[in-house]
Amino acid sequence: MNRIHIVGRKNSGKTTLIVELVEWLTQQGYQVGTIKHTHHHHELDTPGKDSFRHREAGSNAIGILSPAMNAVFWPNPEPPEPGEDDTGVQAENRYNQFQSLMDQCDLVLVEGDSKTTAIKLEVWRAENTAEPMIAQDDNFSALITDDDYTTTLPVLRRNDIPALAAWILEKAGVDVKP
């Protein structure tokens, strides 16, 4: 799975950027998948609904098929305790569980997960914070911003979606479409 993480502090524009990248890439003929990473413990299914009851009864994977959308829920066999970081081999194994669902994708963009060992890019805006995360963490591949910031990492212009998408495709090892 060609996976790139887009991370940043709250209100840095991660979601907006991913939406713009997905729109542009799909217009160019790429199949793009997305994953939203969160460190919060959310109930993704609706308590009391049939699919929720199937899981509560012990089903290992629960699928929902409808005319317009499909979904699959599966429990995390080793969930971290509340407040515990979701990092390392355990987190990577969970990303690998998405592999078969994302096989048709040329690229998978993950929103969040600053602790990943996969390729990660930081979206940064000076109005939100004085310093980007890259100042304390050297495990980033680039900084995405339209503000001035000096770093040894590549600085990718936030508002140049075609150039940013081309850089991401190259970094992910995705063949450029003619």
N, C-alpha and C. Protein backbone atom coordinates (compact mmCIF):
# COMPACT_ATOMS: atom_id res chain seq x y z
N MET A 1 0.86 -1.17 0.00
CA MET A 1 0.00 0.00 0.00
C MET A 1 0.91 1.23 0.00
N ASN A 2 0.77 2.08 -1.01
CA ASN A 2 1.53 3.33 -1.10
C ASN A 2 0.86 4.35 -0.19
N ARG A 3 1.41 4.49 1.02
CA ARG A 3 0.75 5.26 2.08
C ARG A 3 1.60 6.47 2.45
N ILE A 4 0.97 7.63 2.43
CA ILE A 4 1.60 8.88 2.85
C ILE A 4 0.72 9.50 3.93
N HIS A 5 1.35 9.92 5.02
CA HIS A 5 0.62 10.55 6.12
C HIS A 5 0.73 12.07 6.03
N ILE A 6 -0.40 12.73 6.15
CA ILE A 6 -0.46 14.18 6.22
C ILE A 6 -0.81 14.52 7.66
N VAL A 7 0.14 15.13 8.36
CA VAL A 7 -0.06 15.42 9.78
C VAL A 7 0.11 16.91 10.03
N GLY A 8 -0.33 17.35 11.16
CA GLY A 8 -0.19 18.74 11.55
C GLY A 8 -1.00 18.99 12.81
N ARG A 9 -0.76 20.12 13.38
CA ARG A 9 -1.49 20.48 14.60
C ARG A 9 -2.95 20.81 14.25
N LYS A 10 -3.77 20.92 15.27
CA LYS A 10 -5.18 21.24 15.10
C LYS A 10 -5.31 22.52 14.28
N ASN A 11 -6.28 22.51 13.36
CA ASN A 11 -6.58 23.66 12.50
C ASN A 11 -5.44 24.06 11.57
N SER A 12 -4.59 23.11 11.25
CA SER A 12 -3.51 23.41 10.31
C SER A 12 -3.96 23.27 8.86
N GLY A 13 -5.12 22.64 8.65
CA GLY A 13 -5.64 22.50 7.30
C GLY A 13 -5.44 21.12 6.70
N LYS A 14 -5.25 20.12 7.54
CA LYS A 14 -5.02 18.75 7.05
C LYS A 14 -6.18 18.22 6.22
N THR A 15 -7.38 18.32 6.74
CA THR A 15 -8.54 17.78 6.04
C THR A 15 -8.76 18.50 4.72
N THR A 16 -8.71 19.81 4.72
CA THR A 16 -8.89 20.59 3.50
C THR A 16 -7.85 20.21 2.46
N LEU A 17 -6.60 20.07 2.88
CA LEU A 17 -5.54 19.71 1.95
C LEU A 17 -5.79 18.32 1.37
N ILE A 18 -6.15 17.35 2.20
CA ILE A 18 -6.40 16.00 1.69
C ILE A 18 -7.56 16.00 0.70
N VAL A 19 -8.61 16.73 1.00
CA VAL A 19 -9.75 16.82 0.07
C VAL A 19 -9.28 17.40 -1.27
N GLU A 20 -8.49 18.45 -1.24
CA GLU A 20 -8.00 19.06 -2.48
C GLU A 20 -7.09 18.11 -3.24
N LEU A 21 -6.23 17.39 -2.52
CA LEU A 21 -5.35 16.42 -3.18
C LEU A 21 -6.15 15.28 -3.82
N VAL A 22 -7.14 14.75 -3.09
CA VAL A 22 -7.96 13.66 -3.62
C VAL A 22 -8.71 14.14 -4.87
N GLU A 23 -9.30 15.33 -4.80
CA GLU A 23 -10.02 15.86 -5.97
C GLU A 23 -9.09 15.97 -7.18
N TRP A 24 -7.90 16.54 -6.98
CA TRP A 24 -6.97 16.74 -8.09
C TRP A 24 -6.46 15.40 -8.62
N LEU A 25 -6.05 14.52 -7.73
CA LEU A 25 -5.51 13.22 -8.16
C LEU A 25 -6.55 12.38 -8.89
N THR A 26 -7.79 12.37 -8.41
CA THR A 26 -8.82 11.58 -9.08
C THR A 26 -9.15 12.18 -10.45
N GLN A 27 -9.09 13.50 -10.58
CA GLN A 27 -9.28 14.12 -11.89
C GLN A 27 -8.18 13.72 -12.87
N GLN A 28 -7.02 13.37 -12.34
CA GLN A 28 -5.90 12.94 -13.18
C GLN A 28 -5.95 11.44 -13.47
N GLY A 29 -6.93 10.74 -12.93
CA GLY A 29 -7.11 9.33 -13.21
C GLY A 29 -6.55 8.38 -12.16
N TYR A 30 -6.10 8.90 -11.02
CA TYR A 30 -5.58 8.05 -9.95
C TYR A 30 -6.71 7.55 -9.07
N GLN A 31 -6.53 6.34 -8.56
CA GLN A 31 -7.44 5.79 -7.55
C GLN A 31 -6.81 6.10 -6.19
N VAL A 32 -7.51 6.88 -5.38
CA VAL A 32 -6.96 7.33 -4.10
C VAL A 32 -7.84 6.83 -2.97
N GLY A 33 -7.22 6.25 -1.96
CA GLY A 33 -7.91 5.87 -0.73
C GLY A 33 -7.49 6.81 0.38
N THR A 34 -8.31 6.93 1.37
CA THR A 34 -7.96 7.75 2.53
C THR A 34 -8.29 7.00 3.82
N ILE A 35 -7.52 7.31 4.83
CA ILE A 35 -7.75 6.77 6.17
C ILE A 35 -7.62 7.95 7.13
N LYS A 36 -8.56 8.09 8.02
CA LYS A 36 -8.49 9.11 9.06
C LYS A 36 -8.00 8.43 10.33
N HIS A 37 -6.83 8.84 10.81
CA HIS A 37 -6.29 8.30 12.05
C HIS A 37 -6.73 9.21 13.20
N THR A 38 -7.15 8.61 14.28
CA THR A 38 -7.48 9.38 15.47
C THR A 38 -6.95 8.65 16.69
N HIS A 39 -6.53 9.41 17.66
CA HIS A 39 -6.07 8.80 18.91
C HIS A 39 -7.20 8.73 19.94
N HIS A 40 -8.37 9.24 19.56
CA HIS A 40 -9.54 9.18 20.44
C HIS A 40 -10.21 7.81 20.30
N HIS A 41 -10.81 7.36 21.37
CA HIS A 41 -11.57 6.12 21.34
C HIS A 41 -13.01 6.45 20.93
N HIS A 42 -13.36 6.10 19.68
CA HIS A 42 -14.69 6.38 19.14
C HIS A 42 -15.45 5.08 18.93
N GLU A 43 -16.74 5.13 19.10
CA GLU A 43 -17.59 4.02 18.68
C GLU A 43 -17.98 4.31 17.24
N LEU A 44 -17.50 3.50 16.31
CA LEU A 44 -17.74 3.75 14.90
C LEU A 44 -19.10 3.25 14.42
N ASP A 45 -19.62 2.25 15.09
CA ASP A 45 -20.91 1.70 14.73
C ASP A 45 -21.97 2.35 15.62
N THR A 46 -23.23 2.11 15.31
CA THR A 46 -24.32 2.71 16.07
C THR A 46 -24.85 1.71 17.10
N PRO A 47 -24.66 2.00 18.39
CA PRO A 47 -25.17 1.09 19.42
C PRO A 47 -26.66 0.79 19.22
N GLY A 48 -26.99 -0.50 19.36
CA GLY A 48 -28.37 -0.93 19.22
C GLY A 48 -28.75 -1.38 17.82
N LYS A 49 -28.00 -0.93 16.81
CA LYS A 49 -28.30 -1.34 15.43
C LYS A 49 -27.85 -2.78 15.23
N ASP A 50 -28.37 -3.42 14.17
CA ASP A 50 -28.09 -4.83 13.91
C ASP A 50 -26.59 -5.11 13.82
N SER A 51 -25.85 -4.27 13.07
CA SER A 51 -24.41 -4.51 12.91
C SER A 51 -23.68 -4.42 14.25
N PHE A 52 -24.10 -3.49 15.08
CA PHE A 52 -23.51 -3.36 16.42
C PHE A 52 -23.80 -4.62 17.23
N ARG A 53 -25.02 -5.12 17.15
CA ARG A 53 -25.40 -6.32 17.89
C ARG A 53 -24.62 -7.54 17.39
N HIS A 54 -24.37 -7.61 16.08
CA HIS A 54 -23.55 -8.71 15.53
C HIS A 54 -22.16 -8.70 16.17
N ARG A 55 -21.56 -7.51 16.26
CA ARG A 55 -20.22 -7.40 16.86
C ARG A 55 -20.25 -7.75 18.33
N GLU A 56 -21.24 -7.25 19.03
CA GLU A 56 -21.37 -7.54 20.46
C GLU A 56 -21.54 -9.04 20.70
N ALA A 57 -22.14 -9.74 19.74
CA ALA A 57 -22.33 -11.19 19.85
C ALA A 57 -21.04 -11.96 19.59
N GLY A 58 -20.03 -11.26 19.03
CA GLY A 58 -18.74 -11.91 18.82
C GLY A 58 -18.27 -12.01 17.38
N SER A 59 -19.01 -11.44 16.44
CA SER A 59 -18.59 -11.50 15.04
C SER A 59 -17.21 -10.85 14.88
N ASN A 60 -16.36 -11.50 14.11
CA ASN A 60 -14.98 -11.04 13.90
C ASN A 60 -14.90 -9.87 12.92
N ALA A 61 -15.79 -9.83 11.95
CA ALA A 61 -15.86 -8.72 10.99
C ALA A 61 -17.33 -8.53 10.64
N ILE A 62 -17.74 -7.28 10.56
CA ILE A 62 -19.13 -6.98 10.31
C ILE A 62 -19.21 -6.10 9.07
N GLY A 63 -19.91 -6.56 8.05
CA GLY A 63 -20.07 -5.80 6.82
C GLY A 63 -21.46 -5.22 6.72
N ILE A 64 -21.53 -4.05 6.13
CA ILE A 64 -22.81 -3.41 5.86
C ILE A 64 -22.83 -3.10 4.36
N LEU A 65 -23.86 -3.59 3.68
CA LEU A 65 -24.04 -3.33 2.26
C LEU A 65 -25.32 -2.52 2.07
N SER A 66 -25.22 -1.43 1.34
CA SER A 66 -26.40 -0.65 1.03
C SER A 66 -26.31 -0.25 -0.44
N PRO A 67 -27.37 0.29 -1.01
CA PRO A 67 -27.32 0.66 -2.42
C PRO A 67 -26.23 1.69 -2.76
N ALA A 68 -25.89 2.55 -1.82
CA ALA A 68 -24.95 3.62 -2.13
C ALA A 68 -23.58 3.48 -1.47
N MET A 69 -23.46 2.70 -0.40
CA MET A 69 -22.20 2.68 0.35
C MET A 69 -22.06 1.34 1.06
N ASN A 70 -20.81 0.89 1.19
CA ASN A 70 -20.50 -0.33 1.93
C ASN A 70 -19.53 0.01 3.04
N ALA A 71 -19.52 -0.79 4.08
CA ALA A 71 -18.59 -0.58 5.19
C ALA A 71 -18.27 -1.92 5.83
N VAL A 72 -17.10 -1.99 6.43
CA VAL A 72 -16.72 -3.16 7.21
C VAL A 72 -16.15 -2.66 8.53
N PHE A 73 -16.64 -3.22 9.62
CA PHE A 73 -16.11 -2.94 10.95
C PHE A 73 -15.41 -4.20 11.44
N TRP A 74 -14.25 -4.02 12.04
CA TRP A 74 -13.62 -5.15 12.71
C TRP A 74 -12.95 -4.62 13.96
N PRO A 75 -12.97 -5.41 15.02
CA PRO A 75 -12.39 -4.93 16.28
C PRO A 75 -10.87 -4.95 16.22
N ASN A 76 -10.27 -4.04 16.94
CA ASN A 76 -8.83 -4.02 17.09
C ASN A 76 -8.49 -5.08 18.14
N PRO A 77 -7.75 -6.14 17.77
CA PRO A 77 -7.50 -7.21 18.72
C PRO A 77 -6.63 -6.80 19.91
N GLU A 78 -5.86 -5.74 19.75
CA GLU A 78 -4.99 -5.28 20.84
C GLU A 78 -5.11 -3.77 20.99
N PRO A 79 -6.28 -3.26 21.39
CA PRO A 79 -6.41 -1.81 21.48
C PRO A 79 -5.53 -1.24 22.58
N PRO A 80 -4.92 -0.07 22.33
CA PRO A 80 -4.14 0.56 23.39
C PRO A 80 -5.08 1.04 24.50
N GLU A 81 -4.54 1.12 25.67
CA GLU A 81 -5.32 1.64 26.80
C GLU A 81 -5.54 3.14 26.59
N PRO A 82 -6.64 3.69 27.10
CA PRO A 82 -6.85 5.14 26.98
C PRO A 82 -5.63 5.90 27.51
N GLY A 83 -5.18 6.87 26.73
CA GLY A 83 -4.01 7.66 27.10
C GLY A 83 -2.70 7.06 26.64
N GLU A 84 -2.71 5.81 26.20
CA GLU A 84 -1.50 5.15 25.74
C GLU A 84 -1.30 5.46 24.25
N ASP A 85 -0.05 5.71 23.85
CA ASP A 85 0.24 5.98 22.45
C ASP A 85 -0.03 4.76 21.60
N ASP A 86 -0.58 4.99 20.42
CA ASP A 86 -0.88 3.94 19.44
C ASP A 86 0.24 3.96 18.40
N THR A 87 1.37 3.35 18.73
CA THR A 87 2.54 3.45 17.87
C THR A 87 3.19 2.09 17.67
N GLY A 88 4.19 2.08 16.82
CA GLY A 88 5.02 0.90 16.65
C GLY A 88 4.41 -0.18 15.82
N VAL A 89 4.83 -1.42 16.09
CA VAL A 89 4.42 -2.58 15.32
C VAL A 89 2.91 -2.76 15.36
N GLN A 90 2.31 -2.55 16.50
CA GLN A 90 0.86 -2.73 16.63
C GLN A 90 0.12 -1.81 15.67
N ALA A 91 0.50 -0.55 15.60
CA ALA A 91 -0.17 0.39 14.70
C ALA A 91 0.10 0.00 13.24
N GLU A 92 1.32 -0.37 12.91
CA GLU A 92 1.64 -0.77 11.54
C GLU A 92 0.84 -2.00 11.13
N ASN A 93 0.66 -2.94 12.04
CA ASN A 93 -0.15 -4.12 11.74
C ASN A 93 -1.60 -3.73 11.42
N ARG A 94 -2.11 -2.74 12.12
CA ARG A 94 -3.48 -2.31 11.87
C ARG A 94 -3.59 -1.63 10.51
N TYR A 95 -2.58 -0.86 10.10
CA TYR A 95 -2.60 -0.28 8.75
C TYR A 95 -2.57 -1.40 7.72
N ASN A 96 -1.79 -2.45 7.97
CA ASN A 96 -1.70 -3.57 7.04
C ASN A 96 -3.04 -4.27 6.87
N GLN A 97 -3.92 -4.20 7.88
CA GLN A 97 -5.24 -4.81 7.76
C GLN A 97 -6.08 -4.13 6.68
N PHE A 98 -5.75 -2.90 6.32
CA PHE A 98 -6.46 -2.18 5.27
C PHE A 98 -5.99 -2.59 3.87
N GLN A 99 -4.88 -3.31 3.80
CA GLN A 99 -4.25 -3.62 2.52
C GLN A 99 -5.23 -4.17 1.48
N SER A 100 -5.96 -5.21 1.82
CA SER A 100 -6.85 -5.82 0.82
C SER A 100 -7.98 -4.88 0.42
N LEU A 101 -8.41 -4.01 1.33
CA LEU A 101 -9.47 -3.06 1.00
C LEU A 101 -8.97 -1.92 0.12
N MET A 102 -7.67 -1.66 0.16
CA MET A 102 -7.09 -0.55 -0.58
C MET A 102 -6.24 -1.00 -1.78
N ASP A 103 -6.31 -2.29 -2.11
CA ASP A 103 -5.50 -2.83 -3.21
C ASP A 103 -5.69 -2.10 -4.53
N GLN A 104 -6.90 -1.62 -4.81
CA GLN A 104 -7.16 -0.97 -6.08
C GLN A 104 -6.66 0.47 -6.10
N CYS A 105 -6.15 0.97 -4.99
CA CYS A 105 -5.72 2.36 -4.91
C CYS A 105 -4.26 2.52 -5.35
N ASP A 106 -4.02 3.58 -6.11
CA ASP A 106 -2.65 3.93 -6.47
C ASP A 106 -1.93 4.53 -5.27
N LEU A 107 -2.68 5.23 -4.43
CA LEU A 107 -2.12 5.97 -3.31
C LEU A 107 -3.15 5.99 -2.18
N VAL A 108 -2.67 5.89 -0.94
CA VAL A 108 -3.52 6.04 0.23
C VAL A 108 -2.98 7.20 1.05
N LEU A 109 -3.83 8.19 1.27
CA LEU A 109 -3.48 9.33 2.11
C LEU A 109 -4.08 9.13 3.49
N VAL A 110 -3.24 9.21 4.50
CA VAL A 110 -3.70 9.06 5.88
C VAL A 110 -3.67 10.43 6.53
N GLU A 111 -4.79 10.84 7.10
CA GLU A 111 -4.83 12.09 7.85
C GLU A 111 -4.47 11.79 9.29
N GLY A 112 -3.32 12.28 9.71
CA GLY A 112 -2.89 12.12 11.09
C GLY A 112 -1.89 11.01 11.29
N ASP A 113 -1.59 10.75 12.55
CA ASP A 113 -0.64 9.75 13.04
C ASP A 113 0.79 10.25 12.95
N SER A 114 1.10 11.23 13.77
CA SER A 114 2.45 11.80 13.79
C SER A 114 3.49 10.84 14.33
N LYS A 115 3.08 9.73 14.93
CA LYS A 115 4.03 8.76 15.50
C LYS A 115 4.40 7.66 14.51
N THR A 116 3.81 7.64 13.32
CA THR A 116 4.08 6.59 12.37
C THR A 116 5.53 6.58 11.90
N THR A 117 5.98 5.41 11.47
CA THR A 117 7.31 5.31 10.87
C THR A 117 7.21 5.41 9.35
N ALA A 118 5.99 5.49 8.82
CA ALA A 118 5.79 5.64 7.38
C ALA A 118 6.11 7.08 6.97
N ILE A 119 6.09 7.33 5.68
CA ILE A 119 6.36 8.68 5.16
C ILE A 119 5.30 9.63 5.70
N LYS A 120 5.77 10.73 6.27
CA LYS A 120 4.83 11.72 6.79
C LYS A 120 5.28 13.13 6.43
N LEU A 121 4.28 13.94 6.11
CA LEU A 121 4.48 15.34 5.73
C LEU A 121 3.71 16.19 6.73
N GLU A 122 4.29 17.31 7.12
CA GLU A 122 3.59 18.19 8.07
C GLU A 122 3.01 19.39 7.36
N VAL A 123 1.72 19.63 7.61
CA VAL A 123 1.06 20.86 7.17
C VAL A 123 1.22 21.85 8.31
N TRP A 124 1.74 23.05 7.99
CA TRP A 124 2.01 24.04 9.04
C TRP A 124 1.59 25.42 8.59
N ARG A 125 0.97 26.14 9.53
CA ARG A 125 0.62 27.55 9.31
C ARG A 125 1.15 28.34 10.50
N ALA A 126 1.90 29.38 10.21
CA ALA A 126 2.51 30.20 11.26
C ALA A 126 1.47 30.82 12.19
N GLU A 127 0.27 31.09 11.68
CA GLU A 127 -0.75 31.71 12.53
C GLU A 127 -1.24 30.78 13.63
N ASN A 128 -1.02 29.46 13.48
CA ASN A 128 -1.46 28.49 14.49
C ASN A 128 -0.45 28.25 15.58
N THR A 129 0.80 28.22 15.21
CA THR A 129 1.84 27.90 16.19
C THR A 129 3.16 28.49 15.71
N ALA A 130 3.99 28.85 16.64
CA ALA A 130 5.25 29.49 16.29
C ALA A 130 6.21 28.54 15.58
N GLU A 131 6.11 27.27 15.89
CA GLU A 131 7.09 26.34 15.35
C GLU A 131 6.41 25.05 14.88
N PRO A 132 6.82 24.53 13.73
CA PRO A 132 6.24 23.26 13.29
C PRO A 132 6.77 22.09 14.10
N MET A 133 6.08 20.95 14.00
CA MET A 133 6.51 19.74 14.70
C MET A 133 7.88 19.27 14.22
N ILE A 134 8.23 19.57 12.97
CA ILE A 134 9.52 19.12 12.44
C ILE A 134 10.69 19.67 13.23
N ALA A 135 10.47 20.76 13.98
CA ALA A 135 11.54 21.34 14.80
C ALA A 135 11.96 20.39 15.92
N GLN A 136 11.05 19.51 16.38
CA GLN A 136 11.36 18.56 17.45
C GLN A 136 11.37 17.11 16.98
N ASP A 137 10.99 16.85 15.75
CA ASP A 137 10.88 15.48 15.27
C ASP A 137 11.52 15.41 13.88
N ASP A 138 12.60 14.68 13.76
CA ASP A 138 13.30 14.62 12.47
C ASP A 138 12.84 13.45 11.60
N ASN A 139 11.68 12.88 11.90
CA ASN A 139 11.16 11.76 11.12
C ASN A 139 10.13 12.20 10.08
N PHE A 140 10.19 13.43 9.64
CA PHE A 140 9.32 13.95 8.60
C PHE A 140 10.07 13.99 7.28
N SER A 141 9.33 13.91 6.18
CA SER A 141 9.95 13.96 4.86
C SER A 141 9.87 15.34 4.23
N ALA A 142 8.92 16.17 4.65
CA ALA A 142 8.78 17.50 4.08
C ALA A 142 7.84 18.34 4.94
N LEU A 143 7.89 19.65 4.70
CA LEU A 143 6.99 20.60 5.34
C LEU A 143 6.11 21.20 4.24
N ILE A 144 4.80 21.24 4.49
CA ILE A 144 3.86 21.84 3.54
C ILE A 144 3.37 23.14 4.16
N THR A 145 3.68 24.26 3.51
CA THR A 145 3.31 25.56 4.04
C THR A 145 3.40 26.62 2.95
N ASP A 146 2.72 27.72 3.15
CA ASP A 146 2.91 28.90 2.32
C ASP A 146 3.57 30.00 3.14
N ASP A 147 3.93 29.68 4.38
CA ASP A 147 4.65 30.62 5.24
C ASP A 147 6.15 30.41 5.09
N ASP A 148 6.91 31.38 5.55
CA ASP A 148 8.37 31.26 5.51
C ASP A 148 8.85 30.45 6.70
N TYR A 149 9.67 29.47 6.41
CA TYR A 149 10.29 28.68 7.47
C TYR A 149 11.55 28.06 6.89
N THR A 150 12.64 28.16 7.63
CA THR A 150 13.91 27.61 7.17
C THR A 150 14.13 26.24 7.78
N THR A 151 14.38 25.27 6.91
CA THR A 151 14.61 23.89 7.33
C THR A 151 15.44 23.20 6.26
N THR A 152 16.06 22.10 6.65
CA THR A 152 16.82 21.32 5.68
C THR A 152 15.90 20.40 4.86
N LEU A 153 14.65 20.24 5.32
CA LEU A 153 13.67 19.42 4.60
C LEU A 153 13.13 20.17 3.38
N PRO A 154 12.61 19.44 2.41
CA PRO A 154 11.91 20.13 1.33
C PRO A 154 10.71 20.89 1.88
N VAL A 155 10.50 22.10 1.39
CA VAL A 155 9.34 22.90 1.75
C VAL A 155 8.45 22.94 0.51
N LEU A 156 7.25 22.36 0.65
CA LEU A 156 6.31 22.26 -0.45
C LEU A 156 5.24 23.32 -0.29
N ARG A 157 4.95 24.03 -1.35
CA ARG A 157 3.96 25.11 -1.30
C ARG A 157 2.56 24.53 -1.17
N ARG A 158 1.86 24.94 -0.13
CA ARG A 158 0.52 24.45 0.19
C ARG A 158 -0.48 24.70 -0.92
N ASN A 159 -0.39 25.85 -1.55
CA ASN A 159 -1.39 26.22 -2.54
C ASN A 159 -1.05 25.78 -3.96
N ASP A 160 0.01 25.03 -4.15
CA ASP A 160 0.35 24.50 -5.47
C ASP A 160 0.03 23.01 -5.49
N ILE A 161 -1.25 22.69 -5.59
CA ILE A 161 -1.71 21.30 -5.49
C ILE A 161 -1.08 20.42 -6.57
N PRO A 162 -0.99 20.83 -7.84
CA PRO A 162 -0.37 19.95 -8.84
C PRO A 162 1.09 19.60 -8.51
N ALA A 163 1.86 20.58 -8.07
CA ALA A 163 3.26 20.31 -7.72
C ALA A 163 3.35 19.45 -6.46
N LEU A 164 2.51 19.73 -5.49
CA LEU A 164 2.48 18.95 -4.25
C LEU A 164 2.08 17.51 -4.54
N ALA A 165 1.06 17.32 -5.37
CA ALA A 165 0.62 15.97 -5.73
C ALA A 165 1.73 15.22 -6.47
N ALA A 166 2.43 15.90 -7.38
CA ALA A 166 3.52 15.26 -8.12
C ALA A 166 4.63 14.81 -7.17
N TRP A 167 4.95 15.64 -6.18
CA TRP A 167 5.99 15.30 -5.21
C TRP A 167 5.56 14.08 -4.39
N ILE A 168 4.30 14.08 -3.96
CA ILE A 168 3.77 12.97 -3.16
C ILE A 168 3.79 11.68 -3.97
N LEU A 169 3.34 11.74 -5.22
CA LEU A 169 3.34 10.55 -6.07
C LEU A 169 4.76 9.99 -6.23
N GLU A 170 5.71 10.88 -6.46
CA GLU A 170 7.11 10.44 -6.61
C GLU A 170 7.62 9.81 -5.32
N LYS A 171 7.35 10.46 -4.21
CA LYS A 171 7.81 9.96 -2.90
C LYS A 171 7.20 8.60 -2.59
N ALA A 172 5.94 8.40 -3.01
CA ALA A 172 5.24 7.15 -2.75
C ALA A 172 5.62 6.07 -3.76
N GLY A 173 6.36 6.44 -4.81
CA GLY A 173 6.75 5.47 -5.82
C GLY A 173 5.62 5.13 -6.77
N VAL A 174 4.69 6.05 -6.97
CA VAL A 174 3.55 5.82 -7.88
C VAL A 174 3.94 6.34 -9.26
N ASP A 175 3.68 5.52 -10.27
CA ASP A 175 3.97 5.92 -11.65
C ASP A 175 3.09 7.10 -12.02
N VAL A 176 3.70 8.09 -12.68
CA VAL A 176 2.96 9.25 -13.13
C VAL A 176 2.16 8.88 -14.36
N LYS A 177 0.89 9.24 -14.36
CA LYS A 177 0.01 8.94 -15.51
C LYS A 177 0.28 9.96 -16.61
N PRO A 178 0.22 9.51 -17.86
CA PRO A 178 0.46 10.45 -18.97
C PRO A 178 -0.61 11.52 -19.07
